Amino acid sequence: MKDNNKDSKKLLLIDDDPNLILLVKDYLEFRGYEVVTAENGRDAMEVLTKQQPDMIICDVMMPEMDGYSFVETLRQDHRTNWIPVMFLSAKGQSQDRVKGLTKGADVYMIKPFEPEELVAQVESSLKQASRLMRHNTRPSLDENTRIQVSSSVELTPTELKVVQLVAQGLANKEIADKLNVSQRTIESHVSNMLNKTNLKNRTELARWAIECSMA
């Protein structure tokens, strides 16, 4: 049965093996994630100019731009350096894992892997990113790195409650249970707030709430 607790979490999956892409994408989508794909690091950089995922799952050995170069580039840009990255690689030696983590990956998984372990690692990484975001309010951020939202944006009292709970890392279903409304109602509120603020995803919405001291 599809797990809707992962609502709105977008994953970017990068691999030059179409069979692996199909397998992992199907499995993650079945578990309730939205999955965007790219064949290599260069294609992935193009995807990132249009949208920001909540997490990236990336092969290491790829044409055009390999995983190491991709992650190094990702970590040098303040707009993307916060995104959790998981390496998937057939290279399982200790020095390979050390290199991957040193380059900037948060998790290093060896192929072949069990799908359930992959999902567990994804969930763990997303929870850790959410905790760090809530803990690190970064009040000294300059205006170039803060989330930019028009000062004329006004939230309804209910939207304010919802965005506060989003900033606490709660999924839409958890928020719905807490506010005693349907999950569809919460999804509608989140969608309305994204439209109002012109933000891309729930992660940016949460960052905005924290930076504006709403959370």
C-alpha atoms as a PDB file:
ATOM      1  CA  MET A   1       0.000   0.000   0.000  1.00  0.00           C
ATOM      2  CA  LYS A   2       1.252   3.486  -0.837  1.00  0.00           C
ATOM      3  CA  ASP A   3       2.634   5.420   2.125  1.00  0.00           C
ATOM      4  CA  ASN A   4       1.333   8.984   2.080  1.00  0.00           C
ATOM      5  CA  ASN A   5       3.445  10.119   5.005  1.00  0.00           C
ATOM      6  CA  LYS A   6       6.133  11.207   2.537  1.00  0.00           C
ATOM      7  CA  ASP A   7       3.798  13.777   0.952  1.00  0.00           C
ATOM      8  CA  SER A   8       5.448  16.540  -1.049  1.00  0.00           C
ATOM      9  CA  LYS A   9       8.967  15.203  -0.463  1.00  0.00           C
ATOM     10  CA  LYS A  10      10.755  15.484  -3.795  1.00  0.00           C
ATOM     11  CA  LEU A  11      13.811  13.341  -4.561  1.00  0.00           C
ATOM     12  CA  LEU A  12      16.278  13.831  -7.430  1.00  0.00           C
ATOM     13  CA  LEU A  13      17.598  10.457  -8.650  1.00  0.00           C
ATOM     14  CA  ILE A  14      20.766  10.569 -10.806  1.00  0.00           C
ATOM     15  CA  ASP A  15      22.098   7.461 -12.564  1.00  0.00           C
ATOM     16  CA  ASP A  16      23.158   6.526 -16.101  1.00  0.00           C
ATOM     17  CA  ASP A  17      21.653   3.023 -15.766  1.00  0.00           C
ATOM     18  CA  PRO A  18      18.041   3.223 -17.026  1.00  0.00           C
ATOM     19  CA  ASN A  19      17.156  -0.101 -15.379  1.00  0.00           C
ATOM     20  CA  LEU A  20      18.281   1.106 -11.958  1.00  0.00           C
ATOM     21  CA  ILE A  21      16.495   4.437 -12.485  1.00  0.00           C
ATOM     22  CA  LEU A  22      13.271   2.584 -13.280  1.00  0.00           C
ATOM     23  CA  LEU A  23      13.591   0.205 -10.333  1.00  0.00           C
ATOM     24  CA  VAL A  24      14.460   2.825  -7.710  1.00  0.00           C
ATOM     25  CA  LYS A  25      11.996   5.411  -9.052  1.00  0.00           C
ATOM     26  CA  ASP A  26       9.111   2.924  -8.991  1.00  0.00           C
ATOM     27  CA  TYR A  27       9.965   1.792  -5.479  1.00  0.00           C
ATOM     28  CA  LEU A  28      10.297   5.310  -4.063  1.00  0.00           C
ATOM     29  CA  GLU A  29       7.131   6.519  -5.790  1.00  0.00           C
ATOM     30  CA  PHE A  30       5.291   3.496  -4.394  1.00  0.00           C
ATOM     31  CA  ARG A  31       6.448   4.660  -0.956  1.00  0.00           C
ATOM     32  CA  GLY A  32       4.911   8.091  -1.553  1.00  0.00           C
ATOM     33  CA  TYR A  33       7.838  10.195  -2.764  1.00  0.00           C
ATOM     34  CA  GLU A  34       7.888  12.406  -5.845  1.00  0.00           C
ATOM     35  CA  VAL A  35      10.927  11.423  -7.941  1.00  0.00           C
ATOM     36  CA  VAL A  36      12.673  13.495 -10.617  1.00  0.00           C
ATOM     37  CA  THR A  37      15.460  11.803 -12.624  1.00  0.00           C
ATOM     38  CA  ALA A  38      18.652  12.766 -14.465  1.00  0.00           C
ATOM     39  CA  GLU A  39      21.217  10.653 -16.357  1.00  0.00           C
ATOM     40  CA  ASN A  40      24.352  12.374 -15.076  1.00  0.00           C
ATOM     41  CA  GLY A  41      25.640  15.263 -12.989  1.00  0.00           C
ATOM     42  CA  ARG A  42      25.452  17.779 -15.817  1.00  0.00           C
ATOM     43  CA  ASP A  43      21.794  16.981 -16.505  1.00  0.00           C
ATOM     44  CA  ALA A  44      21.134  17.142 -12.773  1.00  0.00           C
ATOM     45  CA  MET A  45      22.609  20.659 -12.535  1.00  0.00           C
ATOM     46  CA  GLU A  46      20.155  21.682 -15.247  1.00  0.00           C
ATOM     47  CA  VAL A  47      17.273  20.186 -13.236  1.00  0.00           C
ATOM     48  CA  LEU A  48      18.415  22.149 -10.170  1.00  0.00           C
ATOM     49  CA  THR A  49      18.094  25.456 -12.013  1.00  0.00           C
ATOM     50  CA  LYS A  50      14.345  24.809 -12.270  1.00  0.00           C
ATOM     51  CA  GLN A  51      13.517  23.075  -8.983  1.00  0.00           C
ATOM     52  CA  GLN A  52      15.032  22.136  -5.647  1.00  0.00           C
ATOM     53  CA  PRO A  53      14.521  18.609  -4.311  1.00  0.00           C
ATOM     54  CA  ASP A  54      14.451  17.726  -0.631  1.00  0.00           C
ATOM     55  CA  MET A  55      17.161  15.102  -1.207  1.00  0.00           C
ATOM     56  CA  ILE A  56      19.444  13.810  -3.967  1.00  0.00           C
ATOM     57  CA  ILE A  57      20.307  10.147  -4.660  1.00  0.00           C
ATOM     58  CA  CYS A  58      23.313   9.970  -6.961  1.00  0.00           C
ATOM     59  CA  ASP A  59      25.468   7.373  -8.723  1.00  0.00           C
ATOM     60  CA  VAL A  60      29.238   7.922  -8.514  1.00  0.00           C
ATOM     61  CA  MET A  61      30.559   6.733 -11.879  1.00  0.00           C
ATOM     62  CA  MET A  62      28.690   8.568 -14.658  1.00  0.00           C
ATOM     63  CA  PRO A  63      29.572  10.189 -18.014  1.00  0.00           C
ATOM     64  CA  GLU A  64      29.618  13.970 -18.555  1.00  0.00           C
ATOM     65  CA  MET A  65      29.934  14.787 -14.835  1.00  0.00           C
ATOM     66  CA  ASP A  66      30.545  12.098 -12.225  1.00  0.00           C
ATOM     67  CA  GLY A  67      29.066  12.035  -8.748  1.00  0.00           C
ATOM     68  CA  TYR A  68      32.149  13.470  -7.062  1.00  0.00           C
ATOM     69  CA  SER A  69      32.257  16.537  -9.321  1.00  0.00           C
ATOM     70  CA  PHE A  70      28.513  16.983  -9.035  1.00  0.00           C
ATOM     71  CA  VAL A  71      28.506  16.983  -5.217  1.00  0.00           C
ATOM     72  CA  GLU A  72      31.505  19.321  -5.056  1.00  0.00           C
ATOM     73  CA  THR A  73      29.655  21.774  -7.319  1.00  0.00           C
ATOM     74  CA  LEU A  74      26.470  21.356  -5.292  1.00  0.00           C
ATOM     75  CA  ARG A  75      28.246  22.148  -2.019  1.00  0.00           C
ATOM     76  CA  GLN A  76      29.796  25.348  -3.416  1.00  0.00           C
ATOM     77  CA  ASP A  77      26.405  26.979  -4.090  1.00  0.00           C
ATOM     78  CA  HIS A  78      24.499  28.370  -1.087  1.00  0.00           C
ATOM     79  CA  ARG A  79      21.211  27.635  -2.860  1.00  0.00           C
ATOM     80  CA  THR A  80      21.912  23.886  -2.946  1.00  0.00           C
ATOM     81  CA  ASN A  81      24.603  23.176  -0.339  1.00  0.00           C
ATOM     82  CA  TRP A  82      22.004  22.210   2.290  1.00  0.00           C
ATOM     83  CA  ILE A  83      20.438  19.381   0.249  1.00  0.00           C
ATOM     84  CA  PRO A  84      21.161  15.890   1.675  1.00  0.00           C
ATOM     85  CA  VAL A  85      22.990  13.640  -0.810  1.00  0.00           C
ATOM     86  CA  MET A  86      23.153   9.847  -0.887  1.00  0.00           C
ATOM     87  CA  PHE A  87      25.747   8.148  -3.096  1.00  0.00           C
ATOM     88  CA  LEU A  88      24.825   4.815  -4.690  1.00  0.00           C
ATOM     89  CA  SER A  89      27.921   3.028  -5.930  1.00  0.00           C
ATOM     90  CA  ALA A  90      29.207  -0.420  -6.884  1.00  0.00           C
ATOM     91  CA  LYS A  91      32.588   0.671  -5.480  1.00  0.00           C
ATOM     92  CA  GLY A  92      32.483  -0.695  -1.964  1.00  0.00           C
ATOM     93  CA  GLN A  93      36.048  -0.401  -0.706  1.00  0.00           C
ATOM     94  CA  SER A  94      36.678   1.576   2.473  1.00  0.00           C
ATOM     95  CA  GLN A  95      38.660   4.229   0.563  1.00  0.00           C
ATOM     96  CA  ASP A  96      35.736   4.653  -1.864  1.00  0.00           C
ATOM     97  CA  ARG A  97      33.301   5.310   0.977  1.00  0.00           C
ATOM     98  CA  VAL A  98      35.733   7.705   2.639  1.00  0.00           C
ATOM     99  CA  LYS A  99      36.224   9.606  -0.632  1.00  0.00           C
ATOM    100  CA  GLY A 100      32.469   9.862  -1.214  1.00  0.00           C
ATOM    101  CA  LEU A 101      31.795  11.218   2.260  1.00  0.00           C
ATOM    102  CA  THR A 102      34.789  13.553   2.068  1.00  0.00           C
ATOM    103  CA  LYS A 103      33.533  14.996  -1.219  1.00  0.00           C
ATOM    104  CA  GLY A 104      30.292  15.978   0.483  1.00  0.00           C
ATOM    105  CA  ALA A 105      27.862  13.042   0.427  1.00  0.00           C
ATOM    106  CA  ASP A 106      25.844  12.434   3.594  1.00  0.00           C
ATOM    107  CA  VAL A 107      25.258   8.706   3.004  1.00  0.00           C
ATOM    108  CA  TYR A 108      27.188   6.120   0.949  1.00  0.00           C
ATOM    109  CA  MET A 109      25.269   2.982  -0.073  1.00  0.00           C
ATOM    110  CA  ILE A 110      26.806   0.098  -1.990  1.00  0.00           C
ATOM    111  CA  LYS A 111      25.100  -1.581  -4.960  1.00  0.00           C
ATOM    112  CA  PRO A 112      23.358  -3.978  -4.917  1.00  0.00           C
ATOM    113  CA  PHE A 113      21.229  -2.819  -2.002  1.00  0.00           C
ATOM    114  CA  GLU A 114      17.965  -3.800  -0.382  1.00  0.00           C
ATOM    115  CA  PRO A 115      15.126  -1.400  -1.330  1.00  0.00           C
ATOM    116  CA  GLU A 116      13.940  -1.258   2.283  1.00  0.00           C
ATOM    117  CA  GLU A 117      17.399  -0.137   3.403  1.00  0.00           C
ATOM    118  CA  LEU A 118      17.399   2.555   0.727  1.00  0.00           C
ATOM    119  CA  VAL A 119      14.044   3.896   1.966  1.00  0.00           C
ATOM    120  CA  ALA A 120      15.242   3.788   5.584  1.00  0.00           C
ATOM    121  CA  GLN A 121      18.347   5.797   4.671  1.00  0.00           C
ATOM    122  CA  VAL A 122      16.252   8.317   2.737  1.00  0.00           C
ATOM    123  CA  GLU A 123      13.877   8.761   5.673  1.00  0.00           C
ATOM    124  CA  SER A 124      16.765   9.112   8.117  1.00  0.00           C
ATOM    125  CA  SER A 125      18.501  11.739   5.972  1.00  0.00           C
ATOM    126  CA  LEU A 126      15.311  13.766   5.510  1.00  0.00           C
ATOM    127  CA  LYS A 127      14.620  13.709   9.262  1.00  0.00           C
ATOM    128  CA  GLN A 128      18.172  14.797  10.014  1.00  0.00           C
ATOM    129  CA  ALA A 129      17.922  17.659   7.503  1.00  0.00           C
ATOM    130  CA  SER A 130      14.634  18.725   9.087  1.00  0.00           C
ATOM    131  CA  ARG A 131      16.171  18.688  12.577  1.00  0.00           C
ATOM    132  CA  LEU A 132      19.147  20.747  11.433  1.00  0.00           C
ATOM    133  CA  MET A 133      16.862  23.242   9.744  1.00  0.00           C
ATOM    134  CA  ARG A 134      14.764  23.673  12.888  1.00  0.00           C
ATOM    135  CA  HIS A 135      17.829  23.981  15.108  1.00  0.00           C
ATOM    136  CA  ASN A 136      19.838  26.301  12.906  1.00  0.00           C
ATOM    137  CA  THR A 137      17.801  29.488  12.631  1.00  0.00           C
ATOM    138  CA  ARG A 138      20.881  31.328  11.354  1.00  0.00           C
ATOM    139  CA  PRO A 139      19.799  34.849  12.385  1.00  0.00           C
ATOM    140  CA  SER A 140      22.983  36.359  10.966  1.00  0.00           C
ATOM    141  CA  LEU A 141      22.307  35.287   7.376  1.00  0.00           C
ATOM    142  CA  ASP A 142      22.739  38.119   4.905  1.00  0.00           C
ATOM    143  CA  GLU A 143      19.871  39.054   2.613  1.00  0.00           C
ATOM    144  CA  ASN A 144      21.327  37.129  -0.351  1.00  0.00           C
ATOM    145  CA  THR A 145      21.056  33.776   1.402  1.00  0.00           C
ATOM    146  CA  ARG A 146      17.716  34.288   3.137  1.00  0.00           C
ATOM    147  CA  ILE A 147      14.487  33.080   1.606  1.00  0.00           C
ATOM    148  CA  GLN A 148      13.053  35.983  -0.373  1.00  0.00           C
ATOM    149  CA  VAL A 149       9.307  36.508   0.078  1.00  0.00           C
ATOM    150  CA  SER A 150       7.365  39.735  -0.496  1.00  0.00           C
ATOM    151  CA  SER A 151       6.534  41.584   2.721  1.00  0.00           C
ATOM    152  CA  SER A 152       2.984  42.009   1.428  1.00  0.00           C
ATOM    153  CA  VAL A 153       2.262  38.270   1.765  1.00  0.00           C
ATOM    154  CA  GLU A 154      -0.358  37.629   4.438  1.00  0.00           C
ATOM    155  CA  LEU A 155      -1.256  34.241   5.858  1.00  0.00           C
ATOM    156  CA  THR A 156      -4.615  33.302   7.315  1.00  0.00           C
ATOM    157  CA  PRO A 157      -4.599  32.112  10.964  1.00  0.00           C
ATOM    158  CA  THR A 158      -4.981  28.509   9.766  1.00  0.00           C
ATOM    159  CA  GLU A 159      -2.159  28.869   7.223  1.00  0.00           C
ATOM    160  CA  LEU A 160       0.045  30.257   9.992  1.00  0.00           C
ATOM    161  CA  LYS A 161      -0.667  27.181  12.134  1.00  0.00           C
ATOM    162  CA  VAL A 162       0.076  24.894   9.188  1.00  0.00           C
ATOM    163  CA  VAL A 163       3.379  26.572   8.248  1.00  0.00           C
ATOM    164  CA  GLN A 164       4.510  26.442  11.885  1.00  0.00           C
ATOM    165  CA  LEU A 165       3.930  22.678  11.893  1.00  0.00           C
ATOM    166  CA  VAL A 166       5.639  22.304   8.495  1.00  0.00           C
ATOM    167  CA  ALA A 167       8.657  24.082   9.997  1.00  0.00           C
ATOM    168  CA  GLN A 168       8.633  21.539  12.839  1.00  0.00           C
ATOM    169  CA  GLY A 169       9.119  18.800  10.254  1.00  0.00           C
ATOM    170  CA  LEU A 170       5.623  17.306  10.381  1.00  0.00           C
ATOM    171  CA  ALA A 171       4.192  15.607   7.288  1.00  0.00           C
ATOM    172  CA  ASN A 172       0.822  16.698   5.904  1.00  0.00           C
ATOM    173  CA  LYS A 173      -0.928  13.671   7.422  1.00  0.00           C
ATOM    174  CA  GLU A 174       0.519  14.437  10.868  1.00  0.00           C
ATOM    175  CA  ILE A 175      -0.555  18.078  10.565  1.00  0.00           C
ATOM    176  CA  ALA A 176      -4.043  16.994   9.486  1.00  0.00           C
ATOM    177  CA  ASP A 177      -4.332  14.710  12.520  1.00  0.00           C
ATOM    178  CA  LYS A 178      -3.101  17.471  14.825  1.00  0.00           C
ATOM    179  CA  LEU A 179      -5.566  20.048  13.472  1.00  0.00           C
ATOM    180  CA  ASN A 180      -8.381  17.486  13.114  1.00  0.00           C
ATOM    181  CA  VAL A 181      -8.937  18.127   9.407  1.00  0.00           C
ATOM    182  CA  SER A 182      -8.435  16.056   6.242  1.00  0.00           C
ATOM    183  CA  GLN A 183      -5.023  15.587   4.662  1.00  0.00           C
ATOM    184  CA  ARG A 184      -6.421  17.088   1.452  1.00  0.00           C
ATOM    185  CA  THR A 185      -7.260  20.281   3.376  1.00  0.00           C
ATOM    186  CA  ILE A 186      -3.654  20.561   4.577  1.00  0.00           C
ATOM    187  CA  GLU A 187      -2.341  19.910   1.072  1.00  0.00           C
ATOM    188  CA  SER A 188      -4.581  22.720  -0.148  1.00  0.00           C
ATOM    189  CA  HIS A 189      -3.226  25.111   2.513  1.00  0.00           C
ATOM    190  CA  VAL A 190       0.381  24.211   1.636  1.00  0.00           C
ATOM    191  CA  SER A 191      -0.329  24.690  -2.065  1.00  0.00           C
ATOM    192  CA  ASN A 192      -1.953  28.078  -1.400  1.00  0.00           C
ATOM    193  CA  MET A 193       1.040  29.219   0.657  1.00  0.00           C
ATOM    194  CA  LEU A 194       3.485  28.107  -2.039  1.00  0.00           C
ATOM    195  CA  ASN A 195       1.472  30.136  -4.570  1.00  0.00           C
ATOM    196  CA  LYS A 196       1.322  33.170  -2.291  1.00  0.00           C
ATOM    197  CA  THR A 197       5.038  33.130  -1.512  1.00  0.00           C
ATOM    198  CA  ASN A 198       6.345  31.890  -4.892  1.00  0.00           C
ATOM    199  CA  LEU A 199       8.438  29.321  -3.010  1.00  0.00           C
ATOM    200  CA  LYS A 200       9.292  25.996  -4.654  1.00  0.00           C
ATOM    201  CA  ASN A 201       8.647  23.391  -1.971  1.00  0.00           C
ATOM    202  CA  ARG A 202       7.866  22.633   1.670  1.00  0.00           C
ATOM    203  CA  THR A 203      11.558  22.895   2.605  1.00  0.00           C
ATOM    204  CA  GLU A 204      11.714  26.520   1.464  1.00  0.00           C
ATOM    205  CA  LEU A 205       8.389  27.183   3.193  1.00  0.00           C
ATOM    206  CA  ALA A 206       9.861  25.811   6.431  1.00  0.00           C
ATOM    207  CA  ARG A 207      13.030  27.890   6.053  1.00  0.00           C
ATOM    208  CA  TRP A 208      10.947  31.019   5.478  1.00  0.00           C
ATOM    209  CA  ALA A 209       8.874  30.332   8.617  1.00  0.00           C
ATOM    210  CA  ILE A 210      12.016  29.822  10.700  1.00  0.00           C
ATOM    211  CA  GLU A 211      13.823  32.878   9.329  1.00  0.00           C
ATOM    212  CA  CYS A 212      10.743  35.058   9.960  1.00  0.00           C
ATOM    213  CA  SER A 213      10.434  33.648  13.504  1.00  0.00           C
ATOM    214  CA  MET A 214       7.017  32.150  12.751  1.00  0.00           C
ATOM    215  CA  ALA A 215       8.111  28.684  13.846  1.00  0.00           C
END
